[in-house]
Amino acid sequence: MRKLKITSYLNEFYPDDGPSRPTIIKMLNNGQLPGERIGKTWYVHAPDVEHSEVEKLASFLAS
Protein backbone atom coordinates (compact mmCIF):
# COMPACT_ATOMS: atom_id res chain seq x y z
CA MET A 1 0.00 0.00 0.00
CA ARG A 2 1.16 3.49 -0.82
CA LYS A 3 0.00 6.69 0.80
CA LEU A 4 -0.68 9.31 -1.86
CA LYS A 5 -1.75 12.88 -1.30
CA ILE A 6 -5.02 13.65 -3.04
CA THR A 7 -3.36 15.56 -5.89
CA SER A 8 -0.94 12.71 -6.57
CA TYR A 9 -3.79 10.19 -6.45
CA LEU A 10 -5.83 12.18 -8.95
CA ASN A 11 -2.83 12.64 -11.27
CA GLU A 12 -2.02 8.92 -11.22
CA PHE A 13 -5.48 7.37 -11.40
CA TYR A 14 -7.43 10.11 -13.21
CA PRO A 15 -4.88 11.91 -15.43
CA ASP A 16 -7.42 13.46 -17.81
CA ASP A 17 -10.64 13.94 -15.90
CA GLY A 18 -11.89 12.59 -12.63
CA PRO A 19 -13.59 13.40 -9.37
CA SER A 20 -12.91 16.73 -7.70
CA ARG A 21 -10.78 17.15 -4.60
CA PRO A 22 -13.88 17.76 -2.39
CA THR A 23 -15.44 14.57 -3.77
CA ILE A 24 -12.34 12.56 -2.86
CA ILE A 25 -12.43 14.03 0.67
CA LYS A 26 -16.12 13.07 1.01
CA MET A 27 -15.30 9.54 -0.18
CA LEU A 28 -12.49 9.30 2.39
CA ASN A 29 -14.78 10.56 5.17
CA ASN A 30 -17.55 8.10 4.20
CA GLY A 31 -15.17 5.14 3.97
CA GLN A 32 -15.84 4.71 0.25
CA LEU A 33 -12.13 5.21 -0.43
CA PRO A 34 -9.41 3.89 1.87
CA GLY A 35 -7.23 6.56 3.38
CA GLU A 36 -6.49 8.72 6.38
CA ARG A 37 -5.92 12.25 7.52
CA ILE A 38 -2.63 13.05 9.19
CA GLY A 39 -2.69 16.54 10.60
CA LYS A 40 -4.30 18.66 7.91
CA THR A 41 -3.22 16.44 5.02
CA TRP A 42 -5.35 13.71 3.48
CA TYR A 43 -3.76 10.55 2.10
CA VAL A 44 -5.38 7.95 -0.13
CA HIS A 45 -4.24 4.37 0.40
CA ALA A 46 -3.42 3.23 -3.12
CA PRO A 47 -2.43 -0.33 -4.05
CA ASP A 48 1.20 -1.10 -4.76
CA VAL A 49 1.70 -1.48 -8.47
CA GLU A 50 4.34 -4.02 -9.39
CA HIS A 51 4.07 -3.69 -13.14
CA SER A 52 1.40 -2.22 -15.31
CA GLU A 53 -0.23 -4.35 -18.00
CA VAL A 54 1.64 -2.37 -20.66
CA GLU A 55 5.00 -3.07 -19.00
CA LYS A 56 4.13 -6.79 -18.76
CA LEU A 57 3.21 -6.90 -22.44
CA ALA A 58 6.37 -5.01 -23.48
CA SER A 59 8.48 -7.40 -21.42
CA PHE A 60 6.74 -10.39 -22.98
CA LEU A 61 7.21 -9.07 -26.53
CA ALA A 62 10.87 -8.28 -25.89
CA SER A 63 11.60 -11.87 -24.81
C-alpha atoms as a PDB file:
ATOM      1  CA  MET A   1       0.000   0.000   0.000  1.00  0.00           C
ATOM      2  CA  ARG A   2       1.162   3.494  -0.823  1.00  0.00           C
ATOM      3  CA  LYS A   3      -0.005   6.694   0.799  1.00  0.00           C
ATOM      4  CA  LEU A   4      -0.679   9.308  -1.856  1.00  0.00           C
ATOM      5  CA  LYS A   5      -1.747  12.885  -1.303  1.00  0.00           C
ATOM      6  CA  ILE A   6      -5.024  13.649  -3.043  1.00  0.00           C
ATOM      7  CA  THR A   7      -3.358  15.562  -5.890  1.00  0.00           C
ATOM      8  CA  SER A   8      -0.936  12.709  -6.566  1.00  0.00           C
ATOM      9  CA  TYR A   9      -3.791  10.190  -6.446  1.00  0.00           C
ATOM     10  CA  LEU A  10      -5.828  12.181  -8.949  1.00  0.00           C
ATOM     11  CA  ASN A  11      -2.835  12.635 -11.267  1.00  0.00           C
ATOM     12  CA  GLU A  12      -2.016   8.925 -11.221  1.00  0.00           C
ATOM     13  CA  PHE A  13      -5.480   7.373 -11.396  1.00  0.00           C
ATOM     14  CA  TYR A  14      -7.428  10.108 -13.210  1.00  0.00           C
ATOM     15  CA  PRO A  15      -4.880  11.906 -15.434  1.00  0.00           C
ATOM     16  CA  ASP A  16      -7.418  13.463 -17.806  1.00  0.00           C
ATOM     17  CA  ASP A  17     -10.642  13.945 -15.899  1.00  0.00           C
ATOM     18  CA  GLY A  18     -11.887  12.593 -12.626  1.00  0.00           C
ATOM     19  CA  PRO A  19     -13.585  13.402  -9.370  1.00  0.00           C
ATOM     20  CA  SER A  20     -12.908  16.734  -7.702  1.00  0.00           C
ATOM     21  CA  ARG A  21     -10.784  17.151  -4.595  1.00  0.00           C
ATOM     22  CA  PRO A  22     -13.875  17.758  -2.388  1.00  0.00           C
ATOM     23  CA  THR A  23     -15.445  14.567  -3.772  1.00  0.00           C
ATOM     24  CA  ILE A  24     -12.341  12.563  -2.855  1.00  0.00           C
ATOM     25  CA  ILE A  25     -12.430  14.028   0.670  1.00  0.00           C
ATOM     26  CA  LYS A  26     -16.121  13.068   1.008  1.00  0.00           C
ATOM     27  CA  MET A  27     -15.295   9.540  -0.182  1.00  0.00           C
ATOM     28  CA  LEU A  28     -12.491   9.303   2.386  1.00  0.00           C
ATOM     29  CA  ASN A  29     -14.781  10.555   5.174  1.00  0.00           C
ATOM     30  CA  ASN A  30     -17.550   8.100   4.203  1.00  0.00           C
ATOM     31  CA  GLY A  31     -15.169   5.136   3.970  1.00  0.00           C
ATOM     32  CA  GLN A  32     -15.837   4.707   0.246  1.00  0.00           C
ATOM     33  CA  LEU A  33     -12.131   5.209  -0.433  1.00  0.00           C
ATOM     34  CA  PRO A  34      -9.407   3.888   1.874  1.00  0.00           C
ATOM     35  CA  GLY A  35      -7.233   6.562   3.383  1.00  0.00           C
ATOM     36  CA  GLU A  36      -6.489   8.716   6.379  1.00  0.00           C
ATOM     37  CA  ARG A  37      -5.922  12.250   7.524  1.00  0.00           C
ATOM     38  CA  ILE A  38      -2.628  13.049   9.189  1.00  0.00           C
ATOM     39  CA  GLY A  39      -2.688  16.544  10.603  1.00  0.00           C
ATOM     40  CA  LYS A  40      -4.300  18.663   7.909  1.00  0.00           C
ATOM     41  CA  THR A  41      -3.216  16.441   5.015  1.00  0.00           C
ATOM     42  CA  TRP A  42      -5.354  13.711   3.475  1.00  0.00           C
ATOM     43  CA  TYR A  43      -3.757  10.551   2.098  1.00  0.00           C
ATOM     44  CA  VAL A  44      -5.377   7.953  -0.126  1.00  0.00           C
ATOM     45  CA  HIS A  45      -4.241   4.368   0.397  1.00  0.00           C
ATOM     46  CA  ALA A  46      -3.417   3.227  -3.119  1.00  0.00           C
ATOM     47  CA  PRO A  47      -2.425  -0.325  -4.054  1.00  0.00           C
ATOM     48  CA  ASP A  48       1.200  -1.099  -4.757  1.00  0.00           C
ATOM     49  CA  VAL A  49       1.705  -1.477  -8.471  1.00  0.00           C
ATOM     50  CA  GLU A  50       4.345  -4.024  -9.387  1.00  0.00           C
ATOM     51  CA  HIS A  51       4.073  -3.687 -13.138  1.00  0.00           C
ATOM     52  CA  SER A  52       1.397  -2.223 -15.312  1.00  0.00           C
ATOM     53  CA  GLU A  53      -0.228  -4.349 -17.995  1.00  0.00           C
ATOM     54  CA  VAL A  54       1.640  -2.367 -20.662  1.00  0.00           C
ATOM     55  CA  GLU A  55       4.998  -3.072 -19.001  1.00  0.00           C
ATOM     56  CA  LYS A  56       4.126  -6.786 -18.756  1.00  0.00           C
ATOM     57  CA  LEU A  57       3.213  -6.896 -22.445  1.00  0.00           C
ATOM     58  CA  ALA A  58       6.367  -5.008 -23.477  1.00  0.00           C
ATOM     59  CA  SER A  59       8.483  -7.396 -21.424  1.00  0.00           C
ATOM     60  CA  PHE A  60       6.738 -10.393 -22.982  1.00  0.00           C
ATOM     61  CA  LEU A  61       7.214  -9.072 -26.526  1.00  0.00           C
ATOM     62  CA  ALA A  62      10.869  -8.284 -25.889  1.00  0.00           C
ATOM     63  CA  SER A  63      11.604 -11.870 -24.808  1.00  0.00           C
END
